[in-house]
Amino acid sequence: MTMISVVDEKNQTIQGFHIEDTDIFWAVESAVHSSVMEGWQPTKADISDAYRVATEYQPEMESDFRRIFGKKDE
């Protein structure tokens, strides 16, 4: 089965999910595009979740980043 990723650049939507900020739109689109190329079949809810992760503070990701790159938690 082939997934058709619906990206509307003019209206900045991915799978029907609108992303107002242009930079965030392209960041999410890039991540989605790469994953679709590997077989992922995202839904509108998946895009919403990707947007949430891209825009909300993720303390566990920051902690992991610091652990991986040698920075100490404050």
N, C-alpha and C. Protein backbone atom coordinates (compact mmCIF):
# COMPACT_ATOMS: atom_id res chain seq x y z
N MET A 1 0.84 -1.17 0.00
CA MET A 1 0.00 0.00 0.00
C MET A 1 0.89 1.24 0.00
N THR A 2 0.57 2.20 -0.83
CA THR A 2 1.34 3.43 -0.92
C THR A 2 0.62 4.53 -0.16
N MET A 3 1.35 5.22 0.67
CA MET A 3 0.77 6.32 1.43
C MET A 3 0.93 7.60 0.63
N ILE A 4 -0.12 8.33 0.52
CA ILE A 4 -0.04 9.63 -0.11
C ILE A 4 -0.06 10.66 1.01
N SER A 5 1.08 11.30 1.20
CA SER A 5 1.17 12.35 2.21
C SER A 5 0.59 13.61 1.60
N VAL A 6 -0.43 14.14 2.22
CA VAL A 6 -1.10 15.31 1.69
C VAL A 6 -0.50 16.56 2.32
N VAL A 7 0.34 17.23 1.53
CA VAL A 7 0.99 18.45 1.99
C VAL A 7 0.51 19.59 1.09
N ASP A 8 -0.06 20.61 1.70
CA ASP A 8 -0.50 21.80 0.99
C ASP A 8 0.39 22.95 1.43
N GLU A 9 1.40 23.24 0.61
CA GLU A 9 2.38 24.26 0.98
C GLU A 9 1.74 25.64 1.09
N LYS A 10 0.83 25.97 0.19
CA LYS A 10 0.20 27.29 0.19
C LYS A 10 -0.56 27.55 1.49
N ASN A 11 -1.32 26.56 1.94
CA ASN A 11 -2.12 26.70 3.16
C ASN A 11 -1.42 26.16 4.40
N GLN A 12 -0.21 25.67 4.21
CA GLN A 12 0.60 25.11 5.30
C GLN A 12 -0.15 24.06 6.09
N THR A 13 -0.64 23.04 5.38
CA THR A 13 -1.29 21.92 6.03
C THR A 13 -0.60 20.63 5.65
N ILE A 14 -0.62 19.69 6.58
CA ILE A 14 -0.10 18.34 6.35
C ILE A 14 -1.18 17.40 6.84
N GLN A 15 -1.64 16.53 5.95
CA GLN A 15 -2.74 15.62 6.26
C GLN A 15 -3.94 16.40 6.82
N GLY A 16 -4.13 17.64 6.37
CA GLY A 16 -5.24 18.46 6.81
C GLY A 16 -5.00 19.23 8.10
N PHE A 17 -3.84 19.02 8.73
CA PHE A 17 -3.52 19.73 9.98
C PHE A 17 -2.76 21.01 9.64
N HIS A 18 -3.32 22.15 10.01
CA HIS A 18 -2.74 23.46 9.70
C HIS A 18 -1.66 23.83 10.71
N ILE A 19 -0.52 24.32 10.17
CA ILE A 19 0.58 24.80 11.01
C ILE A 19 0.85 26.25 10.60
N GLU A 20 0.55 27.16 11.50
CA GLU A 20 0.64 28.60 11.20
C GLU A 20 2.08 29.06 10.95
N ASP A 21 3.00 28.66 11.82
CA ASP A 21 4.38 29.12 11.74
C ASP A 21 5.11 28.41 10.58
N THR A 22 5.63 29.21 9.66
CA THR A 22 6.28 28.66 8.46
C THR A 22 7.48 27.78 8.80
N ASP A 23 8.32 28.23 9.73
CA ASP A 23 9.50 27.44 10.08
C ASP A 23 9.11 26.09 10.69
N ILE A 24 8.12 26.11 11.57
CA ILE A 24 7.67 24.85 12.18
C ILE A 24 7.00 23.97 11.13
N PHE A 25 6.24 24.58 10.23
CA PHE A 25 5.61 23.81 9.14
C PHE A 25 6.67 23.03 8.37
N TRP A 26 7.75 23.71 7.97
CA TRP A 26 8.77 23.03 7.17
C TRP A 26 9.56 22.01 7.98
N ALA A 27 9.75 22.26 9.27
CA ALA A 27 10.44 21.28 10.11
C ALA A 27 9.61 20.01 10.24
N VAL A 28 8.30 20.17 10.50
CA VAL A 28 7.42 19.00 10.61
C VAL A 28 7.29 18.30 9.26
N GLU A 29 7.15 19.08 8.19
CA GLU A 29 7.03 18.49 6.86
C GLU A 29 8.26 17.66 6.52
N SER A 30 9.43 18.17 6.85
CA SER A 30 10.67 17.45 6.57
C SER A 30 10.73 16.12 7.32
N ALA A 31 10.38 16.16 8.58
CA ALA A 31 10.38 14.93 9.39
C ALA A 31 9.36 13.93 8.87
N VAL A 32 8.17 14.43 8.53
CA VAL A 32 7.12 13.56 8.01
C VAL A 32 7.54 12.98 6.67
N HIS A 33 8.07 13.81 5.81
CA HIS A 33 8.49 13.36 4.48
C HIS A 33 9.51 12.23 4.58
N SER A 34 10.51 12.41 5.44
CA SER A 34 11.54 11.38 5.60
C SER A 34 10.94 10.08 6.11
N SER A 35 10.02 10.19 7.06
CA SER A 35 9.40 8.99 7.63
C SER A 35 8.47 8.30 6.64
N VAL A 36 7.75 9.09 5.84
CA VAL A 36 6.86 8.51 4.82
C VAL A 36 7.70 7.73 3.81
N MET A 37 8.88 8.26 3.48
CA MET A 37 9.76 7.57 2.54
C MET A 37 10.18 6.21 3.07
N GLU A 38 10.16 6.04 4.40
CA GLU A 38 10.53 4.77 5.03
C GLU A 38 9.32 3.90 5.34
N GLY A 39 8.13 4.34 4.90
CA GLY A 39 6.96 3.49 5.04
C GLY A 39 5.93 3.92 6.07
N TRP A 40 6.19 4.99 6.82
CA TRP A 40 5.22 5.44 7.81
C TRP A 40 4.00 6.01 7.10
N GLN A 41 2.83 5.76 7.63
CA GLN A 41 1.60 6.25 7.05
C GLN A 41 0.89 7.13 8.09
N PRO A 42 1.25 8.41 8.16
CA PRO A 42 0.73 9.28 9.21
C PRO A 42 -0.73 9.66 9.01
N THR A 43 -1.39 9.86 10.12
CA THR A 43 -2.75 10.38 10.13
C THR A 43 -2.69 11.85 10.53
N LYS A 44 -3.83 12.51 10.48
CA LYS A 44 -3.90 13.89 10.94
C LYS A 44 -3.51 13.97 12.42
N ALA A 45 -3.92 12.98 13.21
CA ALA A 45 -3.56 12.94 14.63
C ALA A 45 -2.05 12.80 14.81
N ASP A 46 -1.40 12.01 13.96
CA ASP A 46 0.06 11.87 14.02
C ASP A 46 0.74 13.21 13.76
N ILE A 47 0.23 13.96 12.79
CA ILE A 47 0.81 15.27 12.48
C ILE A 47 0.59 16.22 13.65
N SER A 48 -0.58 16.17 14.25
CA SER A 48 -0.86 16.98 15.43
C SER A 48 0.12 16.66 16.55
N ASP A 49 0.40 15.38 16.75
CA ASP A 49 1.35 14.97 17.79
C ASP A 49 2.76 15.44 17.45
N ALA A 50 3.17 15.33 16.20
CA ALA A 50 4.49 15.81 15.78
C ALA A 50 4.61 17.32 16.01
N TYR A 51 3.54 18.04 15.73
CA TYR A 51 3.52 19.48 15.97
C TYR A 51 3.66 19.77 17.46
N ARG A 52 2.93 19.03 18.28
CA ARG A 52 2.99 19.22 19.73
C ARG A 52 4.42 19.01 20.24
N VAL A 53 5.06 17.95 19.79
CA VAL A 53 6.43 17.65 20.21
C VAL A 53 7.38 18.77 19.76
N ALA A 54 7.14 19.31 18.56
CA ALA A 54 8.00 20.37 18.03
C ALA A 54 7.81 21.71 18.73
N THR A 55 6.66 21.91 19.35
CA THR A 55 6.36 23.23 19.90
C THR A 55 6.27 23.30 21.42
N GLU A 56 6.16 22.18 22.08
CA GLU A 56 6.07 22.19 23.54
C GLU A 56 7.40 21.77 24.15
N TYR A 57 7.71 22.34 25.29
CA TYR A 57 8.93 21.99 26.00
C TYR A 57 8.90 20.51 26.36
N GLN A 58 9.98 19.82 26.06
CA GLN A 58 10.09 18.39 26.30
C GLN A 58 11.25 18.14 27.27
N PRO A 59 11.00 18.20 28.58
CA PRO A 59 12.11 18.06 29.54
C PRO A 59 12.85 16.74 29.43
N GLU A 60 12.13 15.66 29.11
CA GLU A 60 12.81 14.37 28.98
C GLU A 60 13.76 14.36 27.78
N MET A 61 13.40 15.06 26.71
CA MET A 61 14.30 15.14 25.56
C MET A 61 15.53 15.97 25.90
N GLU A 62 15.33 17.05 26.65
CA GLU A 62 16.46 17.87 27.05
C GLU A 62 17.41 17.08 27.93
N SER A 63 16.86 16.31 28.85
CA SER A 63 17.67 15.48 29.74
C SER A 63 18.46 14.45 28.93
N ASP A 64 17.79 13.81 27.97
CA ASP A 64 18.47 12.84 27.11
C ASP A 64 19.57 13.51 26.30
N PHE A 65 19.29 14.69 25.77
CA PHE A 65 20.28 15.42 24.98
C PHE A 65 21.51 15.72 25.83
N ARG A 66 21.27 16.19 27.04
CA ARG A 66 22.39 16.51 27.94
C ARG A 66 23.19 15.26 28.29
N ARG A 67 22.49 14.14 28.52
CA ARG A 67 23.17 12.89 28.84
C ARG A 67 24.02 12.42 27.66
N ILE A 68 23.46 12.47 26.47
CA ILE A 68 24.16 12.00 25.27
C ILE A 68 25.35 12.88 24.94
N PHE A 69 25.19 14.20 25.07
CA PHE A 69 26.23 15.12 24.65
C PHE A 69 27.08 15.64 25.81
N GLY A 70 26.93 15.03 26.98
CA GLY A 70 27.83 15.32 28.07
C GLY A 70 27.53 16.55 28.89
N LYS A 71 26.36 17.11 28.73
CA LYS A 71 26.01 18.28 29.54
C LYS A 71 25.34 17.78 30.82
N LYS A 72 25.62 18.44 31.91
CA LYS A 72 25.06 18.06 33.20
C LYS A 72 23.70 18.73 33.40
N ASP A 73 22.74 17.98 33.98
CA ASP A 73 21.46 18.58 34.35
C ASP A 73 21.70 19.61 35.44
N GLU A 74 20.99 20.70 35.37
CA GLU A 74 21.14 21.75 36.38
C GLU A 74 20.21 21.54 37.53
